[in-house]
Amino acid sequence: MCLSDQFNDVTQNYKGGQITDKEVTAVVWSNFIHGKLTYVHWNKGEEMAPTIDGKGATLLVRKLPKADPTRVFVGDVVLLKDPEKKNNHLIRRLAAIEGNEMVSKNEEDEPFVLEEDQCWVLADNQNLKPKEAYDSRIFGPVKMTDIVGRVIYCLRSAVDHGPVENSYFSMPRDSPVLAVELDIDEMAKSNRA
């Protein structure tokens, strides 16, 4: 299949008005040169409930060749290297980036400012204690370079799936990627739930 045939297939499969032909062309061209912009990742655990079900879900993750404040934003759900176990990965929400001041609810803790290339990540599940949530409240700031991708779609089951609510800045950037690379059937094959 040639590139123009791929473009025609893609433009027929997205709903008009959601993304422009220019955006679709950019994604198709990027895929043609760089390969896929996403990959599938399986996640299980209560830390990100209700965003990601505790029983487990198959996630579509957008690759980030370089995570910096111009590509990943506060409010994004990110896949990052576990700061204590480098062979593991965590899914957490980006809560603060370099330059942000961190103030604890505990008055004994001194406020501090995140340094260059640092970020703060938190679990979504408000019912968990910090030790159970295993996030920056336990392991502290994380290097931005440890972020490997942004979670853009979550498949919990065949009837329960949809885009992940990320920051206002990321959602429009990820929409063309979803239009081109989202394959529910392929994600369902990887689903362990």
N, C-alpha and C. Protein backbone atom coordinates (compact mmCIF):
# COMPACT_ATOMS: atom_id res chain seq x y z
N MET A 1 0.85 -1.17 0.00
CA MET A 1 0.00 0.00 0.00
C MET A 1 0.90 1.23 0.00
N CYS A 2 0.67 2.16 -0.92
CA CYS A 2 1.50 3.36 -1.00
C CYS A 2 1.02 4.40 0.01
N LEU A 3 1.83 5.42 0.21
CA LEU A 3 1.54 6.46 1.20
C LEU A 3 0.22 7.16 0.91
N SER A 4 -0.08 7.44 -0.36
CA SER A 4 -1.34 8.14 -0.67
C SER A 4 -2.54 7.25 -0.35
N ASP A 5 -2.42 5.92 -0.54
CA ASP A 5 -3.51 5.02 -0.19
C ASP A 5 -3.71 4.99 1.33
N GLN A 6 -2.59 4.98 2.08
CA GLN A 6 -2.68 5.03 3.55
C GLN A 6 -3.38 6.31 3.98
N PHE A 7 -3.02 7.44 3.36
CA PHE A 7 -3.62 8.71 3.72
C PHE A 7 -5.13 8.68 3.44
N ASN A 8 -5.52 8.14 2.29
CA ASN A 8 -6.95 8.07 1.96
C ASN A 8 -7.70 7.18 2.95
N ASP A 9 -7.10 6.05 3.34
CA ASP A 9 -7.73 5.17 4.33
C ASP A 9 -7.91 5.89 5.66
N VAL A 10 -6.89 6.61 6.08
CA VAL A 10 -6.93 7.30 7.36
C VAL A 10 -7.98 8.41 7.34
N THR A 11 -7.99 9.21 6.27
CA THR A 11 -8.91 10.34 6.23
C THR A 11 -10.36 9.88 6.17
N GLN A 12 -10.61 8.71 5.67
CA GLN A 12 -11.98 8.19 5.64
C GLN A 12 -12.40 7.63 7.00
N ASN A 13 -11.47 7.33 7.89
CA ASN A 13 -11.78 6.70 9.16
C ASN A 13 -11.88 7.68 10.34
N TYR A 14 -11.66 8.94 10.13
CA TYR A 14 -11.82 9.86 11.25
C TYR A 14 -13.06 10.73 11.02
N LYS A 15 -13.62 11.19 12.12
CA LYS A 15 -14.82 12.01 12.05
C LYS A 15 -14.43 13.43 11.66
N GLY A 16 -15.08 13.95 10.64
CA GLY A 16 -14.79 15.29 10.17
C GLY A 16 -14.91 16.32 11.28
N GLY A 17 -14.03 17.31 11.26
CA GLY A 17 -14.07 18.37 12.23
C GLY A 17 -13.22 18.12 13.47
N GLN A 18 -12.86 16.87 13.74
CA GLN A 18 -12.05 16.60 14.92
C GLN A 18 -10.60 16.98 14.69
N ILE A 19 -10.07 16.62 13.55
CA ILE A 19 -8.69 16.97 13.21
C ILE A 19 -8.64 17.37 11.75
N THR A 20 -7.66 18.14 11.40
CA THR A 20 -7.54 18.62 10.03
C THR A 20 -6.79 17.61 9.17
N ASP A 21 -6.96 17.75 7.87
CA ASP A 21 -6.21 16.91 6.94
C ASP A 21 -4.70 17.12 7.12
N LYS A 22 -4.32 18.34 7.44
CA LYS A 22 -2.90 18.65 7.66
C LYS A 22 -2.36 17.85 8.84
N GLU A 23 -3.14 17.75 9.93
CA GLU A 23 -2.70 16.99 11.10
C GLU A 23 -2.59 15.51 10.77
N VAL A 24 -3.55 14.98 10.04
CA VAL A 24 -3.51 13.57 9.65
C VAL A 24 -2.30 13.32 8.76
N THR A 25 -2.07 14.21 7.81
CA THR A 25 -0.92 14.06 6.92
C THR A 25 0.39 14.06 7.72
N ALA A 26 0.49 14.96 8.70
CA ALA A 26 1.70 15.04 9.52
C ALA A 26 1.94 13.73 10.27
N VAL A 27 0.88 13.14 10.82
CA VAL A 27 1.03 11.89 11.56
C VAL A 27 1.39 10.75 10.62
N VAL A 28 0.71 10.67 9.48
CA VAL A 28 1.02 9.61 8.52
C VAL A 28 2.46 9.74 8.04
N TRP A 29 2.87 10.95 7.72
CA TRP A 29 4.25 11.18 7.27
C TRP A 29 5.24 10.82 8.37
N SER A 30 4.95 11.21 9.58
CA SER A 30 5.82 10.89 10.71
C SER A 30 5.93 9.38 10.88
N ASN A 31 4.80 8.66 10.76
CA ASN A 31 4.82 7.20 10.86
C ASN A 31 5.64 6.59 9.74
N PHE A 32 5.51 7.15 8.56
CA PHE A 32 6.25 6.65 7.40
C PHE A 32 7.75 6.76 7.64
N ILE A 33 8.18 7.84 8.23
CA ILE A 33 9.61 8.07 8.47
C ILE A 33 10.09 7.40 9.76
N HIS A 34 9.32 7.57 10.85
CA HIS A 34 9.79 7.15 12.17
C HIS A 34 9.16 5.88 12.71
N GLY A 35 8.21 5.33 12.04
CA GLY A 35 7.50 4.18 12.57
C GLY A 35 6.37 4.63 13.47
N LYS A 36 5.82 3.71 14.23
CA LYS A 36 4.69 4.04 15.09
C LYS A 36 5.10 5.00 16.20
N LEU A 37 4.15 5.86 16.54
CA LEU A 37 4.37 6.84 17.61
C LEU A 37 3.88 6.33 18.95
N THR A 38 3.24 5.15 18.96
CA THR A 38 2.65 4.60 20.18
C THR A 38 3.04 3.14 20.36
N TYR A 39 2.79 2.64 21.56
CA TYR A 39 2.91 1.22 21.82
C TYR A 39 1.92 0.86 22.92
N VAL A 40 1.68 -0.44 23.06
CA VAL A 40 0.71 -0.94 24.04
C VAL A 40 1.45 -1.33 25.31
N HIS A 41 0.86 -0.98 26.46
CA HIS A 41 1.44 -1.29 27.76
C HIS A 41 0.34 -1.81 28.67
N TRP A 42 0.60 -2.87 29.41
CA TRP A 42 -0.36 -3.44 30.36
C TRP A 42 -0.08 -2.86 31.74
N ASN A 43 -1.12 -2.46 32.45
CA ASN A 43 -0.95 -1.91 33.80
C ASN A 43 -1.99 -2.49 34.74
N LYS A 44 -1.58 -2.77 35.96
CA LYS A 44 -2.48 -3.28 36.99
C LYS A 44 -2.12 -2.62 38.31
N GLY A 45 -3.13 -2.27 39.09
CA GLY A 45 -2.88 -1.66 40.39
C GLY A 45 -3.91 -0.58 40.69
N GLU A 46 -4.15 -0.37 41.95
CA GLU A 46 -5.16 0.59 42.42
C GLU A 46 -4.70 2.04 42.38
N GLU A 47 -3.42 2.30 42.16
CA GLU A 47 -2.89 3.64 42.28
C GLU A 47 -3.56 4.66 41.36
N MET A 48 -3.95 4.26 40.18
CA MET A 48 -4.49 5.23 39.22
C MET A 48 -6.01 5.14 39.07
N ALA A 49 -6.68 4.38 39.94
CA ALA A 49 -8.14 4.32 39.88
C ALA A 49 -8.70 5.69 40.25
N PRO A 50 -9.73 6.15 39.64
CA PRO A 50 -10.59 5.49 38.65
C PRO A 50 -10.12 5.68 37.20
N THR A 51 -9.07 6.47 36.96
CA THR A 51 -8.60 6.69 35.59
C THR A 51 -8.28 5.38 34.91
N ILE A 52 -7.53 4.52 35.60
CA ILE A 52 -7.19 3.19 35.10
C ILE A 52 -7.67 2.20 36.16
N ASP A 53 -8.49 1.27 35.75
CA ASP A 53 -9.10 0.32 36.68
C ASP A 53 -8.04 -0.48 37.40
N GLY A 54 -8.26 -0.74 38.68
CA GLY A 54 -7.32 -1.49 39.50
C GLY A 54 -7.14 -2.93 39.07
N LYS A 55 -8.14 -3.49 38.38
CA LYS A 55 -8.05 -4.88 37.92
C LYS A 55 -7.08 -5.02 36.76
N GLY A 56 -6.76 -3.91 36.14
CA GLY A 56 -5.83 -3.93 35.03
C GLY A 56 -6.44 -3.38 33.76
N ALA A 57 -5.59 -2.87 32.90
CA ALA A 57 -6.03 -2.30 31.64
C ALA A 57 -4.89 -2.31 30.64
N THR A 58 -5.25 -2.34 29.39
CA THR A 58 -4.29 -2.21 28.31
C THR A 58 -4.28 -0.74 27.90
N LEU A 59 -3.10 -0.16 27.88
CA LEU A 59 -2.96 1.27 27.63
C LEU A 59 -2.24 1.52 26.32
N LEU A 60 -2.66 2.56 25.62
CA LEU A 60 -1.94 3.03 24.45
C LEU A 60 -1.08 4.19 24.92
N VAL A 61 0.23 4.05 24.77
CA VAL A 61 1.18 5.04 25.26
C VAL A 61 1.85 5.73 24.08
N ARG A 62 1.82 7.05 24.10
CA ARG A 62 2.51 7.82 23.06
C ARG A 62 3.96 7.97 23.48
N LYS A 63 4.87 7.56 22.61
CA LYS A 63 6.30 7.66 22.89
C LYS A 63 6.70 9.13 22.98
N LEU A 64 7.58 9.43 23.90
CA LEU A 64 8.14 10.77 24.02
C LEU A 64 9.66 10.64 23.90
N PRO A 65 10.22 11.02 22.76
CA PRO A 65 11.66 10.86 22.59
C PRO A 65 12.45 11.66 23.61
N LYS A 66 11.87 12.79 24.05
CA LYS A 66 12.51 13.61 25.07
C LYS A 66 11.40 14.26 25.88
N ALA A 67 11.34 13.94 27.16
CA ALA A 67 10.31 14.53 28.01
C ALA A 67 10.85 15.84 28.58
N ASP A 68 10.23 16.93 28.21
CA ASP A 68 10.59 18.23 28.76
C ASP A 68 9.30 19.05 28.87
N PRO A 69 9.37 20.23 29.51
CA PRO A 69 8.14 21.02 29.72
C PRO A 69 7.46 21.51 28.45
N THR A 70 8.05 21.26 27.26
CA THR A 70 7.37 21.63 26.02
C THR A 70 6.64 20.44 25.39
N ARG A 71 6.83 19.24 25.94
CA ARG A 71 6.22 18.03 25.36
C ARG A 71 5.31 17.29 26.32
N VAL A 72 5.50 17.49 27.61
CA VAL A 72 4.68 16.84 28.63
C VAL A 72 4.29 17.93 29.63
N PHE A 73 3.03 17.86 30.09
CA PHE A 73 2.48 18.98 30.85
C PHE A 73 1.84 18.50 32.15
N VAL A 74 1.77 19.42 33.11
CA VAL A 74 1.09 19.12 34.36
C VAL A 74 -0.33 18.69 34.03
N GLY A 75 -0.74 17.57 34.61
CA GLY A 75 -2.06 17.01 34.34
C GLY A 75 -2.02 15.79 33.43
N ASP A 76 -0.88 15.53 32.80
CA ASP A 76 -0.74 14.37 31.91
C ASP A 76 -0.54 13.09 32.73
N VAL A 77 -1.13 12.00 32.24
CA VAL A 77 -0.87 10.68 32.80
C VAL A 77 0.34 10.13 32.04
N VAL A 78 1.41 9.84 32.77
CA VAL A 78 2.66 9.46 32.13
C VAL A 78 3.12 8.07 32.56
N LEU A 79 3.88 7.44 31.67
CA LEU A 79 4.57 6.19 31.96
C LEU A 79 6.01 6.58 32.24
N LEU A 80 6.52 6.18 33.42
CA LEU A 80 7.88 6.54 33.78
C LEU A 80 8.60 5.36 34.38
N LYS A 81 9.92 5.44 34.34
CA LYS A 81 10.75 4.42 34.98
C LYS A 81 10.58 4.54 36.48
N ASP A 82 10.42 3.41 37.14
CA ASP A 82 10.32 3.39 38.60
C ASP A 82 11.66 3.90 39.16
N PRO A 83 11.64 4.97 39.97
CA PRO A 83 12.91 5.52 40.46
C PRO A 83 13.69 4.58 41.37
N GLU A 84 13.03 3.59 41.95
CA GLU A 84 13.72 2.67 42.86
C GLU A 84 14.00 1.31 42.22
N LYS A 85 13.28 0.96 41.17
CA LYS A 85 13.49 -0.31 40.46
C LYS A 85 13.50 -0.01 38.96
N LYS A 86 14.65 0.28 38.42
CA LYS A 86 14.78 0.77 37.04
C LYS A 86 14.20 -0.17 35.98
N ASN A 87 14.02 -1.45 36.27
CA ASN A 87 13.45 -2.36 35.29
C ASN A 87 11.92 -2.31 35.27
N ASN A 88 11.32 -1.63 36.23
CA ASN A 88 9.87 -1.50 36.32
C ASN A 88 9.43 -0.13 35.80
N HIS A 89 8.15 -0.05 35.45
CA HIS A 89 7.55 1.20 35.02
C HIS A 89 6.32 1.50 35.87
N LEU A 90 6.03 2.78 36.04
CA LEU A 90 4.87 3.24 36.79
C LEU A 90 4.00 4.11 35.90
N ILE A 91 2.72 4.13 36.19
CA ILE A 91 1.81 5.08 35.58
C ILE A 91 1.40 6.04 36.68
N ARG A 92 1.65 7.32 36.49
CA ARG A 92 1.27 8.34 37.47
C ARG A 92 0.89 9.61 36.72
N ARG A 93 0.24 10.54 37.44
CA ARG A 93 -0.13 11.82 36.85
C ARG A 93 0.93 12.86 37.20
N LEU A 94 1.37 13.60 36.20
CA LEU A 94 2.35 14.66 36.40
C LEU A 94 1.68 15.80 37.16
N ALA A 95 2.20 16.11 38.35
CA ALA A 95 1.57 17.11 39.22
C ALA A 95 2.34 18.44 39.26
N ALA A 96 3.63 18.42 39.00
CA ALA A 96 4.43 19.64 39.02
C ALA A 96 5.70 19.41 38.21
N ILE A 97 6.24 20.51 37.68
CA ILE A 97 7.47 20.44 36.89
C ILE A 97 8.49 21.43 37.44
N GLU A 98 9.68 21.42 36.84
CA GLU A 98 10.77 22.29 37.29
C GLU A 98 10.29 23.72 37.49
N GLY A 99 10.77 24.31 38.58
CA GLY A 99 10.41 25.69 38.90
C GLY A 99 9.20 25.82 39.81
N ASN A 100 8.39 24.76 39.93
CA ASN A 100 7.23 24.81 40.81
C ASN A 100 7.66 24.64 42.26
N GLU A 101 7.02 25.40 43.16
CA GLU A 101 7.29 25.27 44.58
C GLU A 101 6.41 24.19 45.17
N MET A 102 6.99 23.33 45.95
CA MET A 102 6.28 22.23 46.60
C MET A 102 6.13 22.56 48.08
N VAL A 103 4.87 22.58 48.54
CA VAL A 103 4.57 22.89 49.93
C VAL A 103 3.78 21.72 50.49
N SER A 104 4.23 21.19 51.60
CA SER A 104 3.59 20.03 52.23
C SER A 104 2.45 20.48 53.15
N LYS A 105 1.49 19.60 53.34
CA LYS A 105 0.42 19.84 54.32
C LYS A 105 0.98 19.73 55.73
N ASN A 106 2.07 19.00 55.86
CA ASN A 106 2.75 18.85 57.15
C ASN A 106 3.63 20.09 57.38
N GLU A 107 3.31 20.88 58.38
CA GLU A 107 4.01 22.13 58.64
C GLU A 107 5.48 21.93 58.99
N GLU A 108 5.86 20.75 59.41
CA GLU A 108 7.25 20.47 59.75
C GLU A 108 8.15 20.37 58.51
N ASP A 109 7.55 20.04 57.36
CA ASP A 109 8.32 19.90 56.12
C ASP A 109 8.60 21.28 55.53
N GLU A 110 9.84 21.47 55.11
CA GLU A 110 10.25 22.73 54.48
C GLU A 110 9.78 22.75 53.02
N PRO A 111 9.24 23.89 52.55
CA PRO A 111 8.91 23.99 51.12
C PRO A 111 10.20 23.94 50.29
N PHE A 112 10.09 23.50 49.05
CA PHE A 112 11.24 23.47 48.16
C PHE A 112 10.76 23.69 46.73
N VAL A 113 11.69 24.07 45.86
CA VAL A 113 11.38 24.31 44.45
C VAL A 113 12.00 23.17 43.64
N LEU A 114 11.21 22.62 42.71
CA LEU A 114 11.74 21.57 41.83
C LEU A 114 12.82 22.15 40.94
N GLU A 115 13.94 21.48 40.89
CA GLU A 115 15.08 21.94 40.10
C GLU A 115 14.89 21.58 38.63
N GLU A 116 15.83 22.05 37.82
CA GLU A 116 15.79 21.76 36.38
C GLU A 116 15.77 20.25 36.17
N ASP A 117 14.95 19.80 35.24
CA ASP A 117 14.79 18.39 34.88
C ASP A 117 14.16 17.56 36.00
N GLN A 118 13.45 18.19 36.93
CA GLN A 118 12.74 17.44 37.96
C GLN A 118 11.23 17.63 37.80
N CYS A 119 10.50 16.60 38.21
CA CYS A 119 9.04 16.70 38.22
C CYS A 119 8.51 15.93 39.42
N TRP A 120 7.23 16.11 39.69
CA TRP A 120 6.54 15.50 40.83
C TRP A 120 5.36 14.72 40.26
N VAL A 121 5.25 13.45 40.60
CA VAL A 121 4.16 12.62 40.08
C VAL A 121 3.32 12.08 41.24
N LEU A 122 2.02 11.97 41.00
CA LEU A 122 1.10 11.49 42.03
C LEU A 122 0.16 10.44 41.47
N ALA A 123 -0.29 9.56 42.33
CA ALA A 123 -1.33 8.59 41.98
C ALA A 123 -2.67 9.32 41.97
N ASP A 124 -3.61 8.86 41.15
CA ASP A 124 -4.95 9.47 41.09
C ASP A 124 -5.85 9.04 42.23
N ASN A 125 -5.63 7.85 42.77
CA ASN A 125 -6.53 7.28 43.77
C ASN A 125 -6.40 8.03 45.10
N GLN A 126 -7.40 8.84 45.39
CA GLN A 126 -7.40 9.66 46.61
C GLN A 126 -7.66 8.83 47.87
N ASN A 127 -8.10 7.59 47.72
CA ASN A 127 -8.39 6.73 48.87
C ASN A 127 -7.16 6.04 49.43
N LEU A 128 -6.05 6.12 48.72
CA LEU A 128 -4.82 5.46 49.17
C LEU A 128 -3.98 6.39 50.03
N LYS A 129 -3.31 5.83 51.01
CA LYS A 129 -2.34 6.58 51.81
C LYS A 129 -1.07 6.73 50.96
N PRO A 130 -0.24 7.74 51.25
CA PRO A 130 0.96 7.94 50.43
C PRO A 130 1.81 6.68 50.24
N LYS A 131 2.00 5.88 51.29
CA LYS A 131 2.82 4.67 51.15
C LYS A 131 2.17 3.67 50.19
N GLU A 132 0.85 3.62 50.19
CA GLU A 132 0.14 2.70 49.28
C GLU A 132 0.15 3.23 47.85
N ALA A 133 0.12 4.56 47.71
CA ALA A 133 0.08 5.17 46.38
C ALA A 133 1.42 5.07 45.66
N TYR A 134 2.50 4.98 46.41
CA TYR A 134 3.85 4.89 45.87
C TYR A 134 4.06 5.92 44.75
N ASP A 135 4.18 7.15 45.17
CA ASP A 135 4.41 8.24 44.23
C ASP A 135 5.47 9.18 44.79
N SER A 136 5.57 10.40 44.30
CA SER A 136 6.63 11.32 44.72
C SER A 136 6.57 11.66 46.20
N ARG A 137 5.44 11.45 46.85
CA ARG A 137 5.38 11.67 48.29
C ARG A 137 6.25 10.65 49.03
N ILE A 138 6.56 9.54 48.38
CA ILE A 138 7.43 8.51 48.95
C ILE A 138 8.85 8.64 48.40
N PHE A 139 9.00 8.66 47.08
CA PHE A 139 10.34 8.63 46.50
C PHE A 139 10.87 9.99 46.07
N GLY A 140 10.09 11.05 46.25
CA GLY A 140 10.56 12.40 45.95
C GLY A 140 10.49 12.77 44.48
N PRO A 141 11.18 13.85 44.10
CA PRO A 141 11.15 14.28 42.71
C PRO A 141 11.72 13.22 41.77
N VAL A 142 11.25 13.24 40.55
CA VAL A 142 11.68 12.30 39.51
C VAL A 142 12.32 13.10 38.38
N LYS A 143 13.31 12.53 37.73
CA LYS A 143 13.90 13.18 36.57
C LYS A 143 12.90 13.17 35.42
N MET A 144 12.77 14.29 34.73
CA MET A 144 11.89 14.34 33.56
C MET A 144 12.33 13.30 32.52
N THR A 145 13.63 13.04 32.46
CA THR A 145 14.14 12.08 31.48
C THR A 145 13.70 10.65 31.79
N ASP A 146 13.15 10.41 32.99
CA ASP A 146 12.63 9.08 33.32
C ASP A 146 11.22 8.86 32.77
N ILE A 147 10.60 9.92 32.25
CA ILE A 147 9.28 9.78 31.62
C ILE A 147 9.51 9.25 30.21
N VAL A 148 8.86 8.13 29.88
CA VAL A 148 9.06 7.52 28.56
C VAL A 148 7.86 7.70 27.65
N GLY A 149 6.70 8.06 28.19
CA GLY A 149 5.54 8.25 27.33
C GLY A 149 4.35 8.83 28.07
N ARG A 150 3.35 9.23 27.30
CA ARG A 150 2.10 9.74 27.84
C ARG A 150 0.99 8.75 27.50
N VAL A 151 0.20 8.37 28.49
CA VAL A 151 -0.89 7.43 28.27
C VAL A 151 -2.03 8.20 27.61
N ILE A 152 -2.47 7.73 26.42
CA ILE A 152 -3.49 8.47 25.69
C ILE A 152 -4.81 7.71 25.52
N TYR A 153 -4.79 6.39 25.78
CA TYR A 153 -6.02 5.60 25.64
C TYR A 153 -5.97 4.43 26.60
N CYS A 154 -7.13 4.08 27.15
CA CYS A 154 -7.21 3.00 28.14
C CYS A 154 -8.32 2.03 27.74
N LEU A 155 -7.97 0.75 27.62
CA LEU A 155 -8.92 -0.31 27.33
C LEU A 155 -9.02 -1.19 28.56
N ARG A 156 -10.15 -1.05 29.28
CA ARG A 156 -10.38 -1.86 30.48
C ARG A 156 -11.07 -3.18 30.10
N SER A 157 -12.01 -3.09 29.15
CA SER A 157 -12.70 -4.27 28.63
C SER A 157 -13.21 -3.94 27.24
N ALA A 158 -13.84 -4.92 26.60
CA ALA A 158 -14.35 -4.70 25.24
C ALA A 158 -15.39 -3.59 25.17
N VAL A 159 -16.09 -3.35 26.26
CA VAL A 159 -17.13 -2.31 26.26
C VAL A 159 -16.77 -1.09 27.10
N ASP A 160 -15.65 -1.13 27.79
CA ASP A 160 -15.23 -0.03 28.65
C ASP A 160 -13.84 0.43 28.24
N HIS A 161 -13.80 1.44 27.37
CA HIS A 161 -12.52 1.98 26.92
C HIS A 161 -12.73 3.41 26.41
N GLY A 162 -11.65 4.16 26.35
CA GLY A 162 -11.73 5.53 25.85
C GLY A 162 -10.44 6.29 26.07
N PRO A 163 -10.39 7.51 25.54
CA PRO A 163 -9.20 8.34 25.71
C PRO A 163 -8.98 8.68 27.19
N VAL A 164 -7.72 8.82 27.57
CA VAL A 164 -7.35 9.20 28.93
C VAL A 164 -7.40 10.73 29.01
N GLU A 165 -7.96 11.23 30.09
CA GLU A 165 -8.05 12.68 30.30
C GLU A 165 -6.68 13.21 30.70
N ASN A 166 -6.04 13.91 29.77
CA ASN A 166 -4.74 14.52 30.01
C ASN A 166 -4.90 16.03 30.06
N SER A 167 -3.81 16.75 30.06
CA SER A 167 -3.85 18.21 30.13
C SER A 167 -4.50 18.81 28.90
N TYR A 168 -4.93 20.04 29.06
CA TYR A 168 -5.54 20.81 27.98
C TYR A 168 -4.57 20.94 26.80
N PHE A 169 -3.27 20.96 27.07
CA PHE A 169 -2.27 21.14 26.03
C PHE A 169 -1.99 19.84 25.27
N SER A 170 -2.07 18.71 25.95
CA SER A 170 -1.73 17.43 25.33
C SER A 170 -2.85 16.84 24.49
N MET A 171 -4.08 17.00 24.93
CA MET A 171 -5.22 16.36 24.25
C MET A 171 -5.26 16.70 22.75
N PRO A 172 -5.14 17.99 22.35
CA PRO A 172 -5.16 18.29 20.91
C PRO A 172 -3.95 17.72 20.17
N ARG A 173 -2.82 17.62 20.83
CA ARG A 173 -1.62 17.06 20.20
C ARG A 173 -1.75 15.55 19.99
N ASP A 174 -2.49 14.89 20.89
CA ASP A 174 -2.62 13.44 20.80
C ASP A 174 -3.78 13.00 19.91
N SER A 175 -4.71 13.88 19.64
CA SER A 175 -5.89 13.53 18.84
C SER A 175 -5.52 12.98 17.45
N PRO A 176 -4.61 13.63 16.70
CA PRO A 176 -4.24 13.07 15.39
C PRO A 176 -3.55 11.71 15.50
N VAL A 177 -2.78 11.51 16.56
CA VAL A 177 -2.09 10.24 16.76
C VAL A 177 -3.13 9.14 17.02
N LEU A 178 -4.11 9.43 17.86
CA LEU A 178 -5.19 8.47 18.12
C LEU A 178 -5.95 8.14 16.84
N ALA A 179 -6.22 9.16 16.03
CA ALA A 179 -6.98 8.95 14.80
C ALA A 179 -6.28 7.97 13.86
N VAL A 180 -4.96 7.99 13.88
CA VAL A 180 -4.19 7.16 12.96
C VAL A 180 -3.79 5.82 13.59
N GLU A 181 -3.40 5.80 14.86
CA GLU A 181 -2.77 4.61 15.43
C GLU A 181 -3.65 3.79 16.36
N LEU A 182 -4.82 4.28 16.74
CA LEU A 182 -5.67 3.52 17.65
C LEU A 182 -6.23 2.29 16.94
N ASP A 183 -5.96 1.12 17.49
CA ASP A 183 -6.46 -0.14 16.97
C ASP A 183 -6.99 -0.94 18.15
N ILE A 184 -8.30 -0.82 18.39
CA ILE A 184 -8.94 -1.47 19.54
C ILE A 184 -8.73 -2.98 19.48
N ASP A 185 -8.86 -3.57 18.30
CA ASP A 185 -8.69 -5.03 18.17
C ASP A 185 -7.29 -5.46 18.60
N GLU A 186 -6.28 -4.69 18.20
CA GLU A 186 -4.90 -5.02 18.57
C GLU A 186 -4.71 -4.86 20.08
N MET A 187 -5.29 -3.81 20.65
CA MET A 187 -5.18 -3.61 22.09
C MET A 187 -5.89 -4.74 22.84
N ALA A 188 -7.04 -5.18 22.32
CA ALA A 188 -7.82 -6.25 22.97
C ALA A 188 -7.01 -7.55 23.01
N LYS A 189 -6.18 -7.79 22.00
CA LYS A 189 -5.34 -8.98 21.99
C LYS A 189 -4.34 -8.97 23.15
N SER A 190 -3.91 -7.77 23.53
CA SER A 190 -2.94 -7.62 24.62
C SER A 190 -3.60 -7.51 25.98
N ASN A 191 -4.93 -7.37 26.01
CA ASN A 191 -5.64 -7.17 27.27
C ASN A 191 -5.66 -8.46 28.10
N ARG A 192 -5.24 -8.37 29.35
CA ARG A 192 -5.17 -9.53 30.22
C ARG A 192 -6.34 -9.59 31.18
N ALA A 193 -7.21 -8.58 31.14
CA ALA A 193 -8.33 -8.53 32.09
C ALA A 193 -9.37 -9.59 31.76
